Amino acid sequence: MQKSLNYDLVIIGAGASGLMLASLLKRNPQKVCIIEAREKIGSKIILSGGGKCNITNKYLDFSKYLGDEKFVKEALKDFSTKELLDFLESQELSPKLDERLVEGAYFCKSSKEVLSSFSTLTKKIKLFLNTSVEDVSFEDGKYCIKNSKNLDIRAKNLVIASGSNAHFEDKDYEILTKISQKFKLDFKSFTPALVGLGLQKEQAWFKNLSGISLFAKLKIEDKNLEGKLLFTHRGFSGPLVFNASLYWSKGFLEFDFLPNNTLDEFYKKQMLISKALPLPRRFLQEFLLSIDLADKPLNKLNLEEKQKLEKLKSYNFAPAGNLGFLKAEVSKGGLNTKELDINFECKKQKNLFFLGEALDVTGQLGGYNLHFAFASAFKCARYLNKK
């Protein structure tokens, strides 16, 4: 008969929240284990920030998140940007402020050094790699974890720190759905977020702009966003569109391609439109073709032509959809945070915890999601260390 592997605490998922939690626990390492479905730990940490790990943001605030306001504020107040930077400094990591793409973003020297630090912090903890969790049951006060290695793993405390299917074409995230159903918890299906948006036929001219980027503003429902916009052969991308995808599901977006100017400033100029306006010339030429307006001197425009040109300030666009999970930085959806108390413990099921990307909390681009993952782990670890 197979021997049971009994642990005081089992963490499902060796991503940002799981590794942070494991590194902060004040327990006998032999009583803790991590189960990870992939062959290596920290797959998404490695990809973060183009390999430089966009780890937090100077302007950490609830307004940058999609989720329950009270819950997110409570999580962030106990683990600020400074506290995370201090923790990283104690591990000889020194993120630097780099705002070339996103305001307030902190980047590390490399994602690999971050992962190496977590590997060192958790080296005494048993790690089951390439092991998928297939089901979880609760028997005699312990969680029984059915897995792909057929190991009899049992835990007094169980922490679900597995992520979503963003970036990866696998279904390991489905364990979240199974656990939610098993314990009758409210779970919202994942959808892609922080992802590019596709084109309708009416915007086919955008394909001719592939590679061009510019600073723009965007309105989506009650949100006003700004940032860099990148045109691609498939549609829109860049920080501005990634953030818009967090709030968009269907309907129109309204772009202001000339956010720092009014067109009235230019109407007396004798120069051609494509030369006078502070926008990439190729963009202006394609834009003028799309609205059937000749590239003529600005001071020669009549009222009707000026009204056409005003579309630069309020261009309405209905995306054809997003570019899917494989292109997404993160996902929207997850466990409803109303199911948890302030320590990230399930209200209906004692000793069951959910962290990070498993929750229905998603941040904008710029280090917000990694920070929330770390903050949730910090709060949970503090509670578990007192048990």
Protein backbone atom coordinates (compact mmCIF):
# COMPACT_ATOMS: atom_id res chain seq x y z
CA MET A 1 0.00 0.00 0.00
CA GLN A 2 1.35 3.42 -0.96
CA LYS A 3 2.55 5.55 1.92
CA SER A 4 0.71 8.84 2.45
CA LEU A 5 2.77 12.03 2.18
CA ASN A 6 1.38 14.21 4.94
CA TYR A 7 2.13 17.93 5.02
CA ASP A 8 1.07 20.75 7.26
CA LEU A 9 0.76 22.97 4.18
CA VAL A 10 0.63 22.31 0.44
CA ILE A 11 0.90 25.07 -2.16
CA ILE A 12 -0.49 24.38 -5.62
CA GLY A 13 1.42 26.55 -8.09
CA ALA A 14 5.04 27.75 -8.16
CA GLY A 15 4.33 31.16 -9.64
CA ALA A 16 4.78 34.60 -8.06
CA SER A 17 2.27 34.19 -5.21
CA GLY A 18 3.18 30.56 -4.45
CA LEU A 19 6.93 31.22 -4.34
CA MET A 20 6.51 34.38 -2.29
CA LEU A 21 4.32 32.57 0.22
CA ALA A 22 6.79 29.68 0.52
CA SER A 23 9.69 32.09 1.07
CA LEU A 24 7.87 33.92 3.89
CA LEU A 25 6.62 30.89 5.85
CA LYS A 26 8.10 30.31 9.30
CA ARG A 27 7.50 26.59 9.34
CA ASN A 28 9.62 23.48 9.27
CA PRO A 29 10.33 23.21 5.51
CA GLN A 30 9.80 19.44 5.72
CA LYS A 31 6.16 20.11 6.56
CA VAL A 32 5.58 22.18 3.38
CA CYS A 33 5.50 21.22 -0.28
CA ILE A 34 4.82 22.92 -3.61
CA ILE A 35 3.09 21.19 -6.52
CA GLU A 36 3.78 22.69 -9.94
CA ALA A 37 2.26 21.48 -13.22
CA ARG A 38 5.08 22.74 -15.42
CA GLU A 39 8.65 21.48 -15.68
CA LYS A 40 10.08 24.65 -14.11
CA ILE A 41 9.04 27.13 -11.46
CA GLY A 42 8.09 30.74 -12.20
CA SER A 43 7.22 30.41 -15.90
CA LYS A 44 5.40 33.75 -16.00
CA ILE A 45 8.00 35.53 -13.86
CA ILE A 46 10.57 34.69 -16.53
CA LEU A 47 8.37 36.23 -19.24
CA SER A 48 7.47 39.36 -17.26
CA GLY A 49 8.68 42.70 -18.60
CA GLY A 50 10.33 41.19 -21.65
CA GLY A 51 12.70 39.20 -19.46
CA LYS A 52 13.42 42.05 -17.05
CA CYS A 53 10.54 41.39 -14.64
CA ASN A 54 8.30 44.44 -14.31
CA ILE A 55 7.85 43.74 -10.62
CA THR A 56 5.91 46.67 -9.13
CA ASN A 57 4.83 50.25 -9.72
CA LYS A 58 5.55 53.56 -8.02
CA TYR A 59 1.89 54.59 -8.30
CA LEU A 60 0.30 51.55 -6.70
CA ASP A 61 -3.40 52.26 -6.22
CA PHE A 62 -6.76 50.48 -6.39
CA SER A 63 -7.77 52.55 -9.42
CA LYS A 64 -5.34 50.47 -11.48
CA TYR A 65 -7.21 47.24 -10.70
CA LEU A 66 -10.36 45.51 -11.84
CA GLY A 67 -11.85 43.85 -8.77
CA ASP A 68 -13.61 44.41 -5.46
CA GLU A 69 -12.39 47.79 -4.18
CA LYS A 70 -12.49 47.03 -0.46
CA PHE A 71 -10.71 43.70 -0.86
CA VAL A 72 -7.93 45.05 -3.08
CA LYS A 73 -7.34 48.09 -0.89
CA GLU A 74 -7.05 45.86 2.18
CA ALA A 75 -4.47 43.67 0.44
CA LEU A 76 -2.38 46.57 -0.84
CA LYS A 77 -2.33 48.61 2.36
CA ASP A 78 -0.27 45.97 4.17
CA PHE A 79 2.31 45.53 1.43
CA SER A 80 3.21 48.77 -0.33
CA THR A 81 5.66 49.39 -3.16
CA LYS A 82 8.29 50.39 -0.59
CA GLU A 83 7.79 47.20 1.41
CA LEU A 84 8.21 45.05 -1.68
CA LEU A 85 11.31 46.98 -2.75
CA ASP A 86 12.74 46.58 0.76
CA PHE A 87 12.10 42.83 0.62
CA LEU A 88 13.82 42.59 -2.75
CA GLU A 89 16.72 44.68 -1.48
CA SER A 90 17.17 42.21 1.38
CA GLN A 91 17.62 39.56 -1.32
CA GLU A 92 20.21 41.72 -3.11
CA LEU A 93 17.78 42.63 -5.88
CA SER A 94 17.57 46.29 -6.84
CA PRO A 95 14.73 47.11 -9.27
CA LYS A 96 15.07 50.42 -11.11
CA LEU A 97 12.41 52.87 -12.18
CA ASP A 98 12.00 52.77 -15.96
CA GLU A 99 9.08 54.77 -17.35
CA ARG A 100 9.80 54.52 -21.06
CA LEU A 101 6.76 52.30 -21.65
CA VAL A 102 4.61 52.61 -18.53
CA GLU A 103 4.54 55.36 -15.93
CA GLY A 104 5.94 54.31 -12.54
CA ALA A 105 7.16 50.86 -13.64
CA TYR A 106 10.01 49.17 -11.78
CA PHE A 107 12.14 46.59 -13.59
CA CYS A 108 14.76 44.19 -12.30
CA LYS A 109 18.07 43.54 -14.01
CA SER A 110 16.63 40.26 -15.26
CA SER A 111 13.74 37.91 -14.54
CA LYS A 112 16.23 35.09 -14.04
CA GLU A 113 17.83 36.78 -11.04
CA VAL A 114 14.39 37.14 -9.41
CA LEU A 115 13.67 33.47 -9.99
CA SER A 116 17.11 32.51 -8.72
CA SER A 117 16.44 34.41 -5.50
CA PHE A 118 13.12 32.61 -4.94
CA SER A 119 14.81 29.28 -5.71
CA THR A 120 17.32 29.96 -2.95
CA LEU A 121 14.63 31.05 -0.47
CA THR A 122 12.58 27.91 -1.05
CA LYS A 123 15.35 25.34 -1.65
CA LYS A 124 14.53 23.34 1.52
CA ILE A 125 10.88 22.93 0.58
CA LYS A 126 9.84 19.78 -1.27
CA LEU A 127 8.94 20.59 -4.86
CA PHE A 128 6.91 18.31 -7.12
CA LEU A 129 7.49 19.52 -10.69
CA ASN A 130 5.64 18.42 -13.82
CA THR A 131 2.83 17.29 -11.53
CA SER A 132 -0.72 18.28 -12.40
CA VAL A 133 -3.38 18.42 -9.71
CA GLU A 134 -6.43 16.59 -11.02
CA ASP A 135 -8.80 16.86 -8.08
CA VAL A 136 -8.99 17.80 -4.41
CA SER A 137 -11.21 16.30 -1.73
CA PHE A 138 -11.55 16.91 2.00
CA GLU A 139 -11.53 13.89 4.29
CA ASP A 140 -11.04 13.58 8.05
CA GLY A 141 -9.80 17.15 8.41
CA LYS A 142 -7.24 16.91 5.58
CA TYR A 143 -7.13 17.78 1.90
CA CYS A 144 -6.41 14.81 -0.37
CA ILE A 145 -4.72 15.92 -3.57
CA LYS A 146 -5.19 13.66 -6.58
CA ASN A 147 -2.35 14.24 -9.04
CA SER A 148 -0.78 13.03 -12.28
CA LYS A 149 2.05 11.23 -10.42
CA ASN A 150 -0.44 9.16 -8.39
CA LEU A 151 1.19 10.30 -5.16
CA ASP A 152 -0.94 10.16 -2.01
CA ILE A 153 -0.46 13.79 -0.91
CA ARG A 154 -2.44 15.11 2.04
CA ALA A 155 -2.46 18.53 3.68
CA LYS A 156 -3.89 20.19 6.75
CA ASN A 157 -3.72 23.58 4.98
CA LEU A 158 -4.07 23.98 1.23
CA VAL A 159 -3.13 27.10 -0.74
CA ILE A 160 -4.29 27.48 -4.35
CA ALA A 161 -1.75 29.71 -6.09
CA SER A 162 -2.12 28.36 -9.61
CA GLY A 163 -2.55 30.92 -12.35
CA SER A 164 -4.77 31.18 -15.40
CA ASN A 165 -4.20 29.98 -18.96
CA ALA A 166 -2.79 33.32 -20.14
CA HIS A 167 0.42 32.82 -22.17
CA PHE A 168 0.26 29.04 -22.10
CA GLU A 169 -1.76 26.59 -24.14
CA ASP A 170 -2.64 24.20 -21.34
CA LYS A 171 -5.57 23.39 -19.08
CA ASP A 172 -3.93 23.17 -15.67
CA TYR A 173 -5.93 26.20 -14.62
CA GLU A 174 -9.05 24.04 -14.76
CA ILE A 175 -8.24 22.72 -11.28
CA LEU A 176 -9.49 26.10 -10.05
CA THR A 177 -12.88 25.40 -11.59
CA LYS A 178 -12.98 21.91 -10.11
CA ILE A 179 -12.08 23.09 -6.61
CA SER A 180 -14.60 25.93 -6.81
CA GLN A 181 -17.34 23.51 -7.83
CA LYS A 182 -16.31 20.96 -5.20
CA PHE A 183 -16.61 23.46 -2.36
CA LYS A 184 -19.48 25.46 -3.90
CA LEU A 185 -17.48 28.66 -4.43
CA ASP A 186 -18.32 31.43 -6.90
CA PHE A 187 -15.83 31.34 -9.78
CA LYS A 188 -15.85 33.48 -12.92
CA SER A 189 -14.42 31.87 -16.06
CA PHE A 190 -11.15 33.34 -17.30
CA THR A 191 -11.00 35.61 -20.35
CA PRO A 192 -7.86 37.14 -21.93
CA ALA A 193 -6.65 40.50 -20.57
CA LEU A 194 -3.73 42.84 -21.22
CA VAL A 195 -3.85 41.69 -24.82
CA GLY A 196 -3.99 43.19 -28.30
CA LEU A 197 -7.30 43.85 -30.08
CA GLY A 198 -8.27 42.81 -33.59
CA LEU A 199 -9.66 44.74 -36.53
CA GLN A 200 -13.05 45.01 -38.18
CA LYS A 201 -13.13 45.31 -41.98
CA GLU A 202 -13.77 49.06 -41.65
CA GLN A 203 -10.33 49.49 -40.08
CA ALA A 204 -8.40 47.44 -42.66
CA TRP A 205 -6.29 50.54 -43.37
CA PHE A 206 -4.63 50.09 -39.96
CA LYS A 207 -2.72 47.12 -41.40
CA ASN A 208 -0.74 49.56 -43.53
CA LEU A 209 0.51 51.17 -40.31
CA SER A 210 2.15 48.07 -38.84
CA GLY A 211 5.13 49.07 -36.71
CA ILE A 212 4.04 52.69 -36.12
CA SER A 213 3.57 53.79 -32.51
CA LEU A 214 2.25 57.03 -31.04
CA PHE A 215 0.98 58.46 -27.76
CA ALA A 216 -2.82 58.57 -27.55
CA LYS A 217 -5.76 58.73 -25.17
CA LEU A 218 -8.73 56.41 -25.09
CA LYS A 219 -12.22 56.41 -23.57
CA ILE A 220 -13.96 53.18 -22.66
CA GLU A 221 -17.20 53.52 -20.72
CA ASP A 222 -16.25 55.51 -17.60
CA LYS A 223 -12.49 54.96 -17.99
CA ASN A 224 -10.05 57.46 -19.50
CA LEU A 225 -6.71 55.88 -20.39
CA GLU A 226 -3.54 57.17 -21.99
CA GLY A 227 -0.30 55.65 -23.18
CA LYS A 228 1.60 54.33 -26.17
CA LEU A 229 -0.38 52.78 -28.99
CA LEU A 230 1.21 50.33 -31.43
CA PHE A 231 -0.25 49.35 -34.79
CA THR A 232 0.30 45.75 -35.88
CA HIS A 233 -0.61 43.66 -38.90
CA ARG A 234 -3.44 42.14 -36.85
CA GLY A 235 -4.75 45.25 -35.11
CA PHE A 236 -3.87 47.36 -32.08
CA SER A 237 -1.33 46.67 -29.37
CA GLY A 238 0.90 48.56 -26.94
CA PRO A 239 0.35 49.59 -23.30
CA LEU A 240 -2.72 51.72 -24.07
CA VAL A 241 -4.60 48.92 -25.82
CA PHE A 242 -3.46 46.30 -23.31
CA ASN A 243 -5.00 48.35 -20.52
CA ALA A 244 -8.15 48.96 -22.58
CA SER A 245 -8.56 45.20 -23.00
CA LEU A 246 -8.88 44.93 -19.23
CA TYR A 247 -12.18 46.85 -19.34
CA TRP A 248 -13.43 46.02 -22.85
CA SER A 249 -15.65 43.07 -23.73
CA LYS A 250 -17.65 44.49 -26.64
CA GLY A 251 -18.70 47.82 -28.11
CA PHE A 252 -16.78 50.93 -29.06
CA LEU A 253 -13.54 52.53 -27.96
CA GLU A 254 -12.90 56.22 -28.63
CA PHE A 255 -9.34 57.27 -29.48
CA ASP A 256 -7.82 60.72 -29.33
CA PHE A 257 -4.78 60.45 -31.61
CA LEU A 258 -3.75 64.04 -30.87
CA PRO A 259 -4.25 64.25 -27.09
CA ASN A 260 -1.96 67.16 -26.32
CA ASN A 261 -3.30 69.55 -28.95
CA THR A 262 -6.50 70.96 -30.41
CA LEU A 263 -6.88 71.15 -34.17
CA ASP A 264 -7.76 74.84 -33.89
CA GLU A 265 -4.09 75.46 -33.14
CA PHE A 266 -3.18 74.38 -36.68
CA TYR A 267 -5.95 75.66 -38.96
CA LYS A 268 -4.09 78.86 -39.86
CA LYS A 269 -0.99 76.98 -41.04
CA GLN A 270 -0.19 76.91 -44.74
CA MET A 271 1.50 73.49 -44.53
CA LEU A 272 0.00 70.20 -45.68
CA ILE A 273 -1.93 68.28 -43.03
CA SER A 274 0.56 65.38 -43.09
CA LYS A 275 3.46 67.76 -42.45
CA ALA A 276 1.90 70.20 -39.98
CA LEU A 277 0.38 67.89 -37.38
CA PRO A 278 2.70 66.30 -34.75
CA LEU A 279 1.94 62.72 -35.76
CA PRO A 280 3.81 60.16 -37.91
CA ARG A 281 3.41 61.20 -41.53
CA ARG A 282 2.54 57.68 -42.72
CA PHE A 283 -0.22 57.50 -40.11
CA LEU A 284 -1.68 60.83 -41.26
CA GLN A 285 -1.56 59.87 -44.92
CA GLU A 286 -3.42 56.60 -44.30
CA PHE A 287 -5.87 58.32 -41.95
CA LEU A 288 -6.71 60.95 -44.58
CA LEU A 289 -7.35 58.24 -47.16
CA SER A 290 -9.66 56.44 -44.74
CA ILE A 291 -11.84 59.53 -44.24
CA ASP A 292 -11.65 60.56 -47.91
CA LEU A 293 -9.87 63.85 -47.23
CA ALA A 294 -7.14 65.26 -49.47
CA ASP A 295 -3.76 66.09 -47.95
CA LYS A 296 -3.99 69.83 -48.43
CA PRO A 297 -2.86 72.98 -46.58
CA LEU A 298 -4.67 73.33 -43.28
CA ASN A 299 -5.66 76.93 -43.97
CA LYS A 300 -7.51 75.78 -47.10
CA LEU A 301 -9.88 73.42 -45.31
CA ASN A 302 -13.60 74.22 -45.42
CA LEU A 303 -16.01 73.51 -42.58
CA GLU A 304 -16.96 70.05 -43.82
CA GLU A 305 -13.31 69.06 -44.23
CA LYS A 306 -12.49 70.32 -40.73
CA GLN A 307 -15.31 68.21 -39.33
CA LYS A 308 -13.83 65.15 -41.03
CA LEU A 309 -10.38 65.90 -39.62
CA GLU A 310 -11.84 66.22 -36.12
CA LYS A 311 -12.07 62.41 -36.14
CA LEU A 312 -8.43 62.53 -35.09
CA LYS A 313 -9.70 63.70 -31.71
CA SER A 314 -12.61 61.25 -31.41
CA TYR A 315 -12.08 58.17 -33.55
CA ASN A 316 -14.63 55.48 -32.65
CA PHE A 317 -13.51 51.91 -33.15
CA ALA A 318 -15.25 48.62 -32.35
CA PRO A 319 -12.61 45.86 -32.09
CA ALA A 320 -13.34 42.52 -33.71
CA GLY A 321 -12.19 40.82 -30.50
CA ASN A 322 -9.03 40.22 -28.52
CA LEU A 323 -6.07 38.17 -29.74
CA GLY A 324 -6.61 35.30 -27.32
CA PHE A 325 -4.98 33.67 -24.31
CA LEU A 326 -1.63 32.88 -25.95
CA LYS A 327 -1.06 36.60 -26.61
CA ALA A 328 -2.45 37.73 -23.24
CA GLU A 329 -0.27 38.89 -20.36
CA VAL A 330 -2.91 37.86 -17.79
CA SER A 331 -6.56 36.84 -17.53
CA LYS A 332 -9.68 38.43 -16.14
CA GLY A 333 -11.86 36.31 -13.91
CA GLY A 334 -11.13 33.84 -11.13
CA LEU A 335 -12.49 33.16 -7.67
CA ASN A 336 -14.89 35.81 -6.35
CA THR A 337 -13.01 37.56 -3.53
CA LYS A 338 -16.21 37.72 -1.50
CA GLU A 339 -15.58 34.03 -0.82
CA LEU A 340 -12.44 34.94 1.17
CA ASP A 341 -11.68 36.73 4.43
CA ILE A 342 -8.94 39.35 4.78
CA ASN A 343 -6.30 36.62 5.19
CA PHE A 344 -7.25 35.00 1.86
CA GLU A 345 -8.83 32.03 3.66
CA CYS A 346 -12.06 30.62 2.28
CA LYS A 347 -15.03 31.54 4.46
CA LYS A 348 -16.92 28.33 3.67
CA GLN A 349 -14.00 25.92 3.91
CA LYS A 350 -11.49 26.15 6.75
CA ASN A 351 -7.75 25.99 5.95
CA LEU A 352 -8.31 26.55 2.21
CA PHE A 353 -6.62 29.64 0.74
CA PHE A 354 -6.53 31.29 -2.71
CA LEU A 355 -3.84 33.74 -3.90
CA GLY A 356 -2.75 35.93 -6.78
CA GLU A 357 -3.96 35.19 -10.29
CA ALA A 358 -6.44 32.60 -9.00
CA LEU A 359 -8.57 35.52 -7.78
CA ASP A 360 -10.92 37.80 -9.68
CA VAL A 361 -8.50 40.73 -9.39
CA THR A 362 -6.60 42.00 -12.41
CA GLY A 363 -4.30 45.00 -12.67
CA GLN A 364 -3.23 47.22 -15.50
CA LEU A 365 0.10 46.83 -17.28
CA GLY A 366 3.10 48.04 -15.31
CA GLY A 367 3.88 45.67 -12.43
CA TYR A 368 0.46 45.79 -10.80
CA ASN A 369 -0.34 42.10 -11.21
CA LEU A 370 2.96 40.82 -9.85
CA HIS A 371 2.64 43.21 -6.93
CA PHE A 372 -0.84 41.95 -6.08
CA ALA A 373 0.41 38.36 -6.23
CA PHE A 374 3.18 39.23 -3.76
CA ALA A 375 0.81 41.26 -1.54
CA SER A 376 -1.69 38.39 -1.31
CA ALA A 377 1.13 36.01 -0.37
CA PHE A 378 2.46 38.41 2.26
CA LYS A 379 -0.93 38.78 3.93
CA CYS A 380 -1.59 35.03 3.87
CA ALA A 381 1.90 34.18 5.17
CA ARG A 382 1.53 36.58 8.06
CA TYR A 383 -1.67 34.83 9.10
CA LEU A 384 -0.32 31.31 8.62
CA ASN A 385 2.81 32.15 10.64
CA LYS A 386 0.58 32.94 13.62
CA LYS A 387 -1.42 29.68 13.40
